[in-house]
Amino acid sequence: MPLTIINSFASWVLKQRIHQIELFLKYPNEVQEELLMNLIQLSKNTALGKQYDYASINSYVTFAERIPISTYEELQPLIERTRKGEQNVFWEAPIKWFAKSSGTTNAKSKFIPVSNEALEDCHYKGSKDLLCLYLNNNEDSELFLGKSLRLGGSSQIYEDNNTFFGDLSAILIENMPIWAEFSSTPSNKISLMSEWETKITAIINETKNENVTSFAGVPSWMLVLMNKMLEETGKGNLLEIWPNLEVYFHGGVNFEPYRDQYKKILPKKDFKFYEIYNASEGFFAIQDLNNSSDLLLMLDYGIFYEFIPMDTFGTPDQKIIRLADVELFKNYALVITTNSGLWRYLIGDTVRFTSLNPYRIRVTGRTKHHINVFGEELMVENTDQAIAKACKMTQMEVVEYTVAPVFMNGKEKGAHEWMIEFKDNPADVSQFQKALDESIQSLNSDYEAKRYNNMTLNPLVINVARKNLFYDWLKGKNKLGGQHKIPRLSNQRDYLEQLKSMQFQTV
């Protein structure tokens, strides 16, 4: 069958989903309420369902009163029971897959349950919807005339007590339909390689002569791959290698600090960037418009959403609200109930709504990755945007960064200390320092108030990192590739001090 016919047929099939998406766009809150009741009904005979008498829950109010908010640590005993072979603990269908994940520096791994329902009705559905929305917005797309270059995790699947665990990307590759493998590159064998640096070389060798029309992966690690590809091939930009490239599907970290670097290696006026918001726990939101940073919250993936306003988070006055009660432009901690048996699970991400009709969001950071030592409420969204603004003002490029507080000491005021790795070190760090500080003040009024006349906060401090400092730091923790990322902000100095101790080491 000619590729043009395959492209047309695939586009037609995917776009049939638009009608179902329109349903939850029209009745979002009703779809969410019905979904919750279905999840409760399905799980009434599980161990958890019997403990909380799911059979008698007939409204959101009863659900919210009866079921507590849970962190991973609180759910871990139930998850471990299932990992050891016991079923019907928190989800009615057997669960044999667990997505292994951890924080950047936390050695303790999390094992997130992934049911067959979550695979089909959430993760794979999200991937298809991403293509569906992209094709619906770009009628002349020739996406399926070529292949999608995917860059996933670096872990294979491991078996334990007849259950299996690995990176989510490895689980998805292990279970993906044949048609999906046919349209992707590199091969499953290379995609599942564990050793990052060997894997990068293998990906380059296998994909440089393919007709790649799209690529997908975390921006930080994809940039490492793409720069290595240019270095190996001697080409000036990616279009010289793959002239039919049309879109980059990205997620995992904020794209803004990387946008200009990608535009340099993709000098094509109508090249598209499409963002997704997914995690081991589920697939949550998709960019549904060209040239937009807003993500459409997907409401029929078997996930029920609740939100905790960050101004009450962790306090005695903490409030939990459902989707119908959210407000525009407020930061919320995300709480999910899923078709993998995560009940009122605090995932650790923060979002804000940019639209209520339809519900569109932006990811603003992590509940643990912000700085509020001095009342400045600095979020990752602020620092990512400030980095992007400062780079434009000074014509610089930032590779990675992290920020920590300088605590008040006697009469000494506090400050924020940065470790920044530049693509090329600035001739005048103070110029970038001033641009960055002013950019943060323009984006965060609390920070601006604390910086006024150096009243509470002194000017920020910048350490210029040696080349590959962050890469070497992650490599030393065996956390190269995949979903591993640098913790941007912290209320403690642990990450920064570790990096400073490696500043003059050669690896």
Protein backbone atom coordinates (compact mmCIF):
# COMPACT_ATOMS: atom_id res chain seq x y z
CA MET A 1 0.00 0.00 0.00
CA PRO A 2 1.51 3.40 -0.98
CA LEU A 3 2.61 5.59 1.92
CA THR A 4 0.31 8.42 0.81
CA ILE A 5 -2.72 6.13 1.22
CA ILE A 6 -1.44 4.96 4.64
CA ASN A 7 -1.00 8.61 5.66
CA SER A 8 -4.54 9.52 4.56
CA PHE A 9 -6.11 6.45 6.17
CA ALA A 10 -4.26 6.90 9.48
CA SER A 11 -5.25 10.55 9.59
CA TRP A 12 -8.91 9.70 8.95
CA VAL A 13 -8.99 6.98 11.65
CA LEU A 14 -7.41 9.20 14.29
CA LYS A 15 -9.67 12.16 13.58
CA GLN A 16 -12.79 10.08 14.28
CA ARG A 17 -11.93 10.57 17.95
CA ILE A 18 -12.66 14.31 17.69
CA HIS A 19 -16.38 13.67 18.20
CA GLN A 20 -15.74 11.94 21.55
CA ILE A 21 -13.46 14.77 22.66
CA GLU A 22 -16.21 17.24 21.82
CA LEU A 23 -18.49 15.38 24.24
CA PHE A 24 -16.33 16.01 27.30
CA LEU A 25 -15.68 19.55 26.10
CA LYS A 26 -19.44 20.16 26.17
CA TYR A 27 -20.17 18.32 29.45
CA PRO A 28 -16.85 18.33 31.37
CA ASN A 29 -18.12 18.23 34.94
CA GLU A 30 -20.80 15.63 34.16
CA VAL A 31 -18.20 13.40 32.47
CA GLN A 32 -15.94 13.67 35.53
CA GLU A 33 -18.74 12.88 38.03
CA GLU A 34 -19.86 9.84 36.03
CA LEU A 35 -16.28 8.64 35.73
CA LEU A 36 -15.78 8.85 39.51
CA MET A 37 -18.93 6.86 40.22
CA ASN A 38 -17.79 4.18 37.73
CA LEU A 39 -14.37 3.90 39.41
CA ILE A 40 -16.03 3.53 42.81
CA GLN A 41 -18.50 0.94 41.54
CA LEU A 42 -15.75 -1.11 39.90
CA SER A 43 -13.69 -1.12 43.10
CA LYS A 44 -16.34 -1.74 45.75
CA ASN A 45 -15.22 -5.35 46.29
CA THR A 46 -11.50 -4.60 46.60
CA ALA A 47 -9.80 -4.60 50.00
CA LEU A 48 -9.76 -0.79 49.93
CA GLY A 49 -13.36 -0.67 48.72
CA LYS A 50 -14.53 -2.78 51.65
CA GLN A 51 -12.45 -0.78 54.13
CA TYR A 52 -14.17 2.47 53.12
CA ASP A 53 -17.52 0.92 52.13
CA TYR A 54 -17.41 2.09 48.51
CA ALA A 55 -20.76 0.36 47.94
CA SER A 56 -22.54 3.10 49.91
CA ILE A 57 -20.78 6.05 48.25
CA ASN A 58 -23.22 7.72 45.87
CA SER A 59 -21.88 11.28 45.54
CA TYR A 60 -18.67 13.27 45.36
CA VAL A 61 -19.39 14.77 48.79
CA THR A 62 -19.50 11.31 50.44
CA PHE A 63 -16.38 10.25 48.52
CA ALA A 64 -14.46 13.35 49.68
CA GLU A 65 -15.57 12.94 53.30
CA ARG A 66 -14.67 9.26 53.49
CA ILE A 67 -11.49 8.75 51.45
CA PRO A 68 -8.31 10.49 52.71
CA ILE A 69 -5.76 12.24 50.51
CA SER A 70 -2.78 9.89 50.04
CA THR A 71 0.91 10.22 49.23
CA TYR A 72 2.97 7.39 47.76
CA GLU A 73 4.38 6.57 51.18
CA GLU A 74 0.86 6.07 52.52
CA LEU A 75 -0.18 3.86 49.61
CA GLN A 76 3.06 1.89 49.51
CA PRO A 77 1.95 -0.97 51.82
CA LEU A 78 -1.03 -1.67 49.54
CA ILE A 79 1.16 -1.48 46.44
CA GLU A 80 3.69 -3.87 47.97
CA ARG A 81 0.93 -6.40 48.64
CA THR A 82 0.06 -6.36 44.94
CA ARG A 83 3.72 -6.55 43.89
CA LYS A 84 3.98 -9.72 45.98
CA GLY A 85 1.11 -11.30 44.06
CA GLU A 86 -2.03 -10.35 45.99
CA GLN A 87 -4.74 -8.95 43.74
CA ASN A 88 -8.02 -7.05 44.24
CA VAL A 89 -6.34 -4.82 46.82
CA PHE A 90 -7.07 -1.36 45.40
CA TRP A 91 -8.21 -2.18 41.84
CA GLU A 92 -10.63 -4.88 40.76
CA ALA A 93 -8.68 -6.16 37.74
CA PRO A 94 -5.30 -7.93 38.09
CA ILE A 95 -2.27 -5.61 37.98
CA LYS A 96 1.05 -7.02 36.84
CA TRP A 97 2.84 -3.88 35.58
CA PHE A 98 4.54 -1.30 37.78
CA ALA A 99 6.23 1.85 36.49
CA LYS A 100 9.42 2.37 38.46
CA SER A 101 10.23 6.00 39.11
CA SER A 102 12.07 8.09 41.65
CA GLY A 103 13.04 11.65 42.38
CA THR A 104 16.27 12.92 40.83
CA THR A 105 18.30 12.40 44.00
CA ASN A 106 16.11 10.01 45.98
CA ALA A 107 17.51 6.48 45.92
CA LYS A 108 14.19 5.06 47.07
CA SER A 109 12.16 3.95 44.05
CA LYS A 110 8.44 4.27 43.60
CA PHE A 111 6.49 1.48 41.94
CA ILE A 112 3.39 3.00 40.38
CA PRO A 113 0.69 0.44 39.47
CA VAL A 114 -0.27 0.38 35.77
CA SER A 115 -3.44 -1.58 35.02
CA ASN A 116 -4.43 -2.86 31.60
CA GLU A 117 -7.24 -0.29 31.69
CA ALA A 118 -4.70 2.50 32.25
CA LEU A 119 -2.54 1.24 29.40
CA GLU A 120 -5.40 1.15 26.90
CA ASP A 121 -7.76 3.89 28.10
CA CYS A 122 -5.19 6.39 29.33
CA HIS A 123 -1.59 6.08 28.09
CA TYR A 124 -2.22 4.71 24.58
CA LYS A 125 -5.40 6.73 24.23
CA GLY A 126 -3.43 9.86 25.12
CA SER A 127 -0.80 9.09 22.49
CA LYS A 128 -3.47 8.60 19.83
CA ASP A 129 -5.30 11.76 20.91
CA LEU A 130 -2.08 13.73 20.62
CA LEU A 131 -1.84 12.69 16.98
CA CYS A 132 -5.58 13.23 16.52
CA LEU A 133 -5.49 16.83 17.77
CA TYR A 134 -2.32 17.60 15.83
CA LEU A 135 -3.78 16.24 12.56
CA ASN A 136 -7.07 18.03 13.17
CA ASN A 137 -5.15 21.32 13.36
CA ASN A 138 -2.82 20.54 10.44
CA GLU A 139 -4.84 19.15 7.53
CA ASP A 140 -1.84 19.06 5.16
CA SER A 141 0.33 17.00 7.54
CA GLU A 142 2.41 14.19 6.03
CA LEU A 143 3.34 12.76 9.41
CA PHE A 144 2.78 9.13 8.43
CA LEU A 145 4.91 9.33 5.30
CA GLY A 146 7.84 8.92 7.67
CA LYS A 147 8.61 7.74 11.20
CA SER A 148 8.59 9.20 14.68
CA LEU A 149 11.93 9.20 16.52
CA ARG A 150 11.16 8.34 20.14
CA LEU A 151 13.52 8.82 23.06
CA GLY A 152 12.25 6.98 26.12
CA GLY A 153 13.70 5.67 29.33
CA SER A 154 16.83 3.63 29.75
CA SER A 155 15.53 0.67 31.72
CA GLN A 156 14.46 -2.77 30.63
CA ILE A 157 11.58 -4.72 32.14
CA TYR A 158 12.33 -6.79 35.25
CA GLU A 159 10.24 -9.58 36.78
CA ASP A 160 9.51 -10.03 40.47
CA ASN A 161 6.87 -12.40 41.94
CA ASN A 162 5.24 -12.69 38.51
CA THR A 163 4.85 -8.92 38.35
CA PHE A 164 6.94 -6.70 36.09
CA PHE A 165 8.54 -3.30 36.58
CA GLY A 166 10.56 -0.77 34.60
CA ASP A 167 10.37 2.77 33.23
CA LEU A 168 6.90 3.66 32.01
CA SER A 169 8.32 4.10 28.50
CA ALA A 170 9.69 0.55 28.65
CA ILE A 171 6.28 -0.79 29.74
CA LEU A 172 4.57 1.09 26.91
CA ILE A 173 7.08 -0.22 24.35
CA GLU A 174 6.67 -3.76 25.70
CA ASN A 175 2.89 -3.60 25.22
CA MET A 176 2.55 -1.35 22.18
CA PRO A 177 0.62 -2.55 19.11
CA ILE A 178 2.54 -3.65 16.01
CA TRP A 179 1.36 -0.66 13.96
CA ALA A 180 2.92 1.71 16.49
CA GLU A 181 6.31 -0.01 16.28
CA PHE A 182 6.12 0.08 12.47
CA SER A 183 5.78 3.88 12.53
CA SER A 184 8.52 4.46 15.14
CA THR A 185 12.30 4.51 15.24
CA PRO A 186 14.64 3.31 16.71
CA SER A 187 13.76 -0.35 17.10
CA ASN A 188 12.40 -1.71 20.38
CA LYS A 189 15.72 -3.41 21.02
CA ILE A 190 17.60 -0.11 20.96
CA SER A 191 14.82 1.82 22.72
CA LEU A 192 15.06 -0.55 25.68
CA MET A 193 18.85 -0.38 26.05
CA SER A 194 19.81 0.49 29.62
CA GLU A 195 23.22 2.15 29.20
CA TRP A 196 22.50 5.74 28.13
CA GLU A 197 25.70 6.64 26.26
CA THR A 198 25.79 3.37 24.30
CA LYS A 199 22.11 3.83 23.55
CA ILE A 200 22.64 7.35 22.14
CA THR A 201 25.26 6.06 19.69
CA ALA A 202 22.98 3.21 18.62
CA ILE A 203 20.03 5.60 18.08
CA ILE A 204 22.15 7.89 15.91
CA ASN A 205 23.40 5.02 13.76
CA GLU A 206 19.92 3.60 13.25
CA THR A 207 17.95 6.79 12.67
CA LYS A 208 20.23 9.14 10.72
CA ASN A 209 19.25 7.56 7.40
CA GLU A 210 15.53 7.16 8.21
CA ASN A 211 12.81 9.50 6.94
CA VAL A 212 11.96 11.04 10.33
CA THR A 213 8.94 13.35 10.26
CA SER A 214 8.51 13.84 14.01
CA PHE A 215 10.28 13.18 17.26
CA ALA A 216 9.12 12.75 20.85
CA GLY A 217 10.81 12.92 24.24
CA VAL A 218 11.92 15.06 27.18
CA PRO A 219 13.45 18.36 25.88
CA SER A 220 16.63 18.24 27.97
CA TRP A 221 17.64 14.73 26.92
CA MET A 222 16.37 15.11 23.36
CA LEU A 223 18.61 18.17 22.98
CA VAL A 224 21.61 16.07 24.06
CA LEU A 225 20.71 13.49 21.38
CA MET A 226 20.10 16.06 18.66
CA ASN A 227 23.34 17.96 19.32
CA LYS A 228 25.22 14.66 19.27
CA MET A 229 23.50 13.79 15.98
CA LEU A 230 24.66 17.08 14.43
CA GLU A 231 28.17 16.52 15.77
CA GLU A 232 28.34 12.96 14.37
CA THR A 233 26.93 13.85 10.95
CA GLY A 234 28.69 17.20 10.57
CA LYS A 235 25.41 18.86 9.58
CA GLY A 236 24.43 22.42 10.48
CA ASN A 237 20.84 21.70 11.46
CA LEU A 238 18.39 18.81 11.77
CA LEU A 239 16.58 19.60 8.50
CA GLU A 240 19.76 18.71 6.60
CA ILE A 241 19.43 15.20 8.08
CA TRP A 242 15.64 14.88 8.04
CA PRO A 243 14.17 17.39 5.52
CA ASN A 244 10.58 16.25 6.18
CA LEU A 245 10.57 17.00 9.93
CA GLU A 246 7.36 18.81 10.88
CA VAL A 247 6.71 18.47 14.64
CA TYR A 248 8.34 17.81 18.01
CA PHE A 249 6.10 16.26 20.70
CA HIS A 250 7.60 17.08 24.08
CA GLY A 251 6.87 16.90 27.80
CA GLY A 252 8.45 16.22 31.18
CA VAL A 253 10.01 19.64 31.77
CA ASN A 254 9.10 23.22 30.89
CA PHE A 255 10.05 23.87 27.27
CA GLU A 256 10.72 27.62 27.54
CA PRO A 257 14.42 27.45 28.59
CA TYR A 258 15.08 25.21 25.56
CA ARG A 259 12.86 26.83 22.90
CA ASP A 260 15.47 29.11 21.33
CA GLN A 261 18.05 26.31 21.21
CA TYR A 262 15.58 24.10 19.34
CA LYS A 263 14.69 26.88 16.92
CA LYS A 264 18.37 27.21 16.03
CA ILE A 265 18.69 23.56 15.05
CA LEU A 266 15.23 23.53 13.42
CA PRO A 267 15.26 26.62 11.14
CA LYS A 268 11.84 26.04 9.62
CA LYS A 269 9.24 28.79 9.97
CA ASP A 270 6.22 26.47 10.19
CA PHE A 271 7.83 23.78 12.36
CA LYS A 272 5.44 22.80 15.15
CA PHE A 273 6.08 22.15 18.85
CA TYR A 274 3.35 20.20 20.67
CA GLU A 275 3.43 19.71 24.43
CA ILE A 276 1.96 16.91 26.54
CA TYR A 277 1.59 16.41 30.27
CA ASN A 278 1.98 12.80 31.32
CA ALA A 279 3.64 10.80 34.08
CA SER A 280 3.91 7.24 35.38
CA GLU A 281 0.55 7.82 37.10
CA GLY A 282 -1.31 8.78 33.94
CA PHE A 283 -1.68 10.87 30.81
CA PHE A 284 -3.32 14.17 31.78
CA ALA A 285 -3.27 16.93 29.20
CA ILE A 286 -2.42 17.73 25.57
CA GLN A 287 -1.73 20.92 23.66
CA ASP A 288 -4.79 21.18 21.41
CA LEU A 289 -3.92 24.31 19.43
CA ASN A 290 -1.00 25.27 17.21
CA ASN A 291 1.43 27.78 18.73
CA SER A 292 -0.01 27.54 22.25
CA SER A 293 1.46 26.78 25.67
CA ASP A 294 -1.92 25.80 27.13
CA LEU A 295 -2.82 22.13 27.58
CA LEU A 296 -6.32 20.70 27.27
CA LEU A 297 -7.16 18.62 30.36
CA MET A 298 -8.32 15.23 29.06
CA LEU A 299 -11.36 14.20 31.08
CA ASP A 300 -12.26 10.71 29.82
CA TYR A 301 -9.04 8.77 30.48
CA GLY A 302 -10.23 7.05 33.66
CA ILE A 303 -8.78 9.80 35.87
CA PHE A 304 -10.85 11.89 38.29
CA TYR A 305 -9.27 15.23 39.18
CA GLU A 306 -9.23 17.23 42.39
CA PHE A 307 -7.20 20.28 43.35
CA ILE A 308 -5.69 21.84 46.48
CA PRO A 309 -5.14 25.63 46.32
CA MET A 310 -1.45 26.18 47.01
CA ASP A 311 -2.19 29.07 49.36
CA THR A 312 -3.73 26.51 51.75
CA PHE A 313 -1.56 23.50 50.86
CA GLY A 314 -0.14 21.73 53.88
CA THR A 315 -1.89 24.04 56.34
CA PRO A 316 -4.73 23.30 58.80
CA ASP A 317 -6.97 25.27 56.41
CA GLN A 318 -6.13 23.05 53.41
CA LYS A 319 -9.05 22.80 50.98
CA ILE A 320 -9.69 20.15 48.33
CA ILE A 321 -11.97 21.09 45.45
CA ARG A 322 -13.23 19.35 42.31
CA LEU A 323 -12.87 20.54 38.74
CA ALA A 324 -16.15 22.48 38.74
CA ASP A 325 -14.84 24.78 41.49
CA VAL A 326 -11.41 25.79 40.16
CA GLU A 327 -10.55 29.41 39.38
CA LEU A 328 -8.38 30.98 36.71
CA PHE A 329 -4.67 31.66 37.30
CA LYS A 330 -4.43 30.15 40.78
CA ASN A 331 -1.80 27.54 41.59
CA TYR A 332 -3.20 24.15 42.60
CA ALA A 333 -1.63 20.91 43.79
CA LEU A 334 -3.01 18.09 41.65
CA VAL A 335 -4.87 15.15 43.24
CA ILE A 336 -5.90 12.17 41.10
CA THR A 337 -8.06 9.07 41.39
CA THR A 338 -7.23 6.63 38.59
CA ASN A 339 -8.17 3.43 36.81
CA SER A 340 -4.99 1.89 38.23
CA GLY A 341 -6.29 2.15 41.79
CA LEU A 342 -4.61 5.34 42.96
CA TRP A 343 -7.25 6.91 45.23
CA ARG A 344 -7.04 10.64 45.94
CA TYR A 345 -3.32 10.46 45.20
CA LEU A 346 -1.21 13.59 45.65
CA ILE A 347 1.01 13.35 42.59
CA GLY A 348 3.27 16.25 43.56
CA ASP A 349 2.67 18.53 40.55
CA THR A 350 1.21 22.02 40.57
CA VAL A 351 -0.93 23.49 37.79
CA ARG A 352 -2.91 26.62 37.05
CA PHE A 353 -5.91 27.05 34.79
CA THR A 354 -5.67 29.40 31.83
CA SER A 355 -9.20 28.62 30.58
CA LEU A 356 -12.35 27.19 32.17
CA ASN A 357 -14.25 26.58 28.94
CA PRO A 358 -12.66 24.32 27.92
CA TYR A 359 -10.46 23.42 30.89
CA ARG A 360 -6.90 24.24 29.89
CA ILE A 361 -3.90 24.24 32.21
CA ARG A 362 -0.21 24.95 32.45
CA VAL A 363 2.10 22.94 34.67
CA THR A 364 3.75 25.35 37.10
CA GLY A 365 6.06 23.08 39.10
CA ARG A 366 6.22 20.59 41.93
CA THR A 367 4.83 20.85 45.44
CA LYS A 368 8.32 20.05 46.74
CA HIS A 369 10.27 22.04 44.13
CA HIS A 370 9.61 25.67 44.95
CA ILE A 371 11.28 28.22 47.21
CA ASN A 372 9.31 29.91 49.95
CA VAL A 373 11.94 30.47 52.63
CA PHE A 374 11.33 34.23 52.72
CA GLY A 375 7.66 34.35 51.64
CA GLU A 376 8.58 34.76 47.96
CA GLU A 377 6.53 31.75 46.69
CA LEU A 378 8.91 31.21 43.76
CA MET A 379 7.65 28.51 41.37
CA VAL A 380 9.52 26.65 38.63
CA GLU A 381 7.28 28.34 36.06
CA ASN A 382 8.66 31.72 37.24
CA THR A 383 12.31 30.71 37.00
CA ASP A 384 11.93 28.94 33.65
CA GLN A 385 10.28 32.00 32.15
CA ALA A 386 12.84 34.32 33.74
CA ILE A 387 15.72 32.27 32.34
CA ALA A 388 14.15 32.48 28.87
CA LYS A 389 13.68 36.27 29.18
CA ALA A 390 17.21 36.85 30.49
CA CYS A 391 18.68 34.74 27.68
CA LYS A 392 16.89 36.86 25.08
CA MET A 393 18.03 40.08 26.76
CA THR A 394 21.69 39.01 26.87
CA GLN A 395 21.90 36.70 23.82
CA MET A 396 22.92 33.78 26.04
CA GLU A 397 21.89 30.10 26.13
CA VAL A 398 21.39 28.14 29.35
CA VAL A 399 21.88 24.36 29.39
CA GLU A 400 20.74 23.61 32.98
CA TYR A 401 20.25 25.32 36.32
CA THR A 402 19.23 24.84 39.93
CA VAL A 403 18.44 27.34 42.70
CA ALA A 404 18.68 27.21 46.50
CA PRO A 405 18.23 29.74 49.31
CA VAL A 406 21.04 31.53 51.11
CA PHE A 407 19.67 31.54 54.63
CA MET A 408 19.71 34.63 56.82
CA ASN A 409 22.67 34.65 59.18
CA GLY A 410 22.69 37.21 61.97
CA LYS A 411 22.52 40.58 60.27
CA GLU A 412 23.05 39.09 56.82
CA LYS A 413 19.95 39.07 54.66
CA GLY A 414 18.81 36.11 52.63
CA ALA A 415 19.27 35.55 48.89
CA HIS A 416 18.85 32.99 46.14
CA GLU A 417 21.95 31.20 44.91
CA TRP A 418 21.98 29.78 41.40
CA MET A 419 24.16 27.22 39.67
CA ILE A 420 23.86 27.81 35.91
CA GLU A 421 25.54 25.93 33.08
CA PHE A 422 25.71 28.10 29.94
CA LYS A 423 26.30 26.80 26.44
CA ASP A 424 29.07 29.41 26.22
CA ASN A 425 30.10 31.20 29.39
CA PRO A 426 29.12 34.90 29.51
CA ALA A 427 31.84 37.52 29.28
CA ASP A 428 29.95 39.54 31.89
CA VAL A 429 28.08 37.43 34.45
CA SER A 430 26.81 40.54 36.23
CA GLN A 431 24.85 41.57 33.12
CA PHE A 432 23.04 38.23 33.04
CA GLN A 433 22.60 38.35 36.82
CA LYS A 434 20.87 41.74 36.59
CA ALA A 435 18.66 40.63 33.68
CA LEU A 436 17.64 37.46 35.52
CA ASP A 437 16.85 39.24 38.79
CA GLU A 438 14.74 41.87 37.02
CA SER A 439 12.94 39.18 35.01
CA ILE A 440 11.96 37.26 38.15
CA GLN A 441 10.68 40.47 39.75
CA SER A 442 8.54 41.16 36.68
CA LEU A 443 7.01 37.66 36.92
CA ASN A 444 6.59 37.28 40.70
CA SER A 445 5.25 40.15 42.81
CA ASP A 446 6.13 38.40 46.10
CA TYR A 447 9.78 38.12 45.04
CA GLU A 448 9.67 41.73 43.84
CA ALA A 449 8.39 42.88 47.25
CA LYS A 450 11.15 40.99 49.09
CA ARG A 451 13.78 42.43 46.75
CA TYR A 452 12.55 46.04 47.08
CA ASN A 453 15.52 48.07 48.33
CA ASN A 454 17.11 44.75 49.33
CA MET A 455 14.64 44.79 52.21
CA THR A 456 14.53 41.02 52.78
CA LEU A 457 16.44 39.52 49.88
CA ASN A 458 19.84 40.56 48.56
CA PRO A 459 20.49 40.30 44.78
CA LEU A 460 20.70 36.74 43.52
CA VAL A 461 24.08 35.04 43.29
CA ILE A 462 25.19 33.07 40.20
CA ASN A 463 27.76 30.28 40.09
CA VAL A 464 28.82 29.57 36.52
CA ALA A 465 28.97 25.78 36.23
CA ARG A 466 31.73 24.02 34.37
CA LYS A 467 30.78 22.24 31.17
CA ASN A 468 28.80 19.00 31.76
CA LEU A 469 28.55 19.55 35.52
CA PHE A 470 24.84 18.62 35.66
CA TYR A 471 25.33 15.71 33.26
CA ASP A 472 28.15 14.33 35.41
CA TRP A 473 26.05 14.81 38.57
CA LEU A 474 23.19 12.75 37.12
CA LYS A 475 25.62 10.17 35.70
CA GLY A 476 27.13 9.70 39.17
CA LYS A 477 23.62 8.88 40.42
CA ASN A 478 22.96 6.51 37.49
CA LYS A 479 20.16 8.80 36.32
CA LEU A 480 20.99 9.58 32.70
CA GLY A 481 18.17 9.75 30.16
CA GLY A 482 14.50 8.92 30.44
CA GLN A 483 12.38 11.03 32.78
CA HIS A 484 15.29 11.97 35.06
CA LYS A 485 15.64 15.70 35.44
CA ILE A 486 17.43 18.36 37.44
CA PRO A 487 15.50 19.62 40.50
CA ARG A 488 15.18 23.29 39.58
CA LEU A 489 14.19 24.72 42.98
CA SER A 490 14.64 23.58 46.56
CA ASN A 491 14.05 25.05 50.02
CA GLN A 492 17.24 23.28 51.12
CA ARG A 493 20.83 23.54 49.88
CA ASP A 494 21.58 19.81 49.42
CA TYR A 495 21.51 19.73 45.60
CA LEU A 496 23.46 22.96 45.24
CA GLU A 497 26.16 21.91 47.69
CA GLN A 498 26.60 18.57 45.88
CA LEU A 499 27.03 20.41 42.59
CA LYS A 500 29.45 22.92 44.09
CA SER A 501 31.56 20.08 45.46
CA MET A 502 31.86 18.68 41.91
CA GLN A 503 32.51 22.03 40.26
CA PHE A 504 36.27 21.52 39.95
CA GLN A 505 36.26 17.75 39.51
CA THR A 506 36.93 16.23 36.08
CA VAL A 507 34.93 13.13 35.29
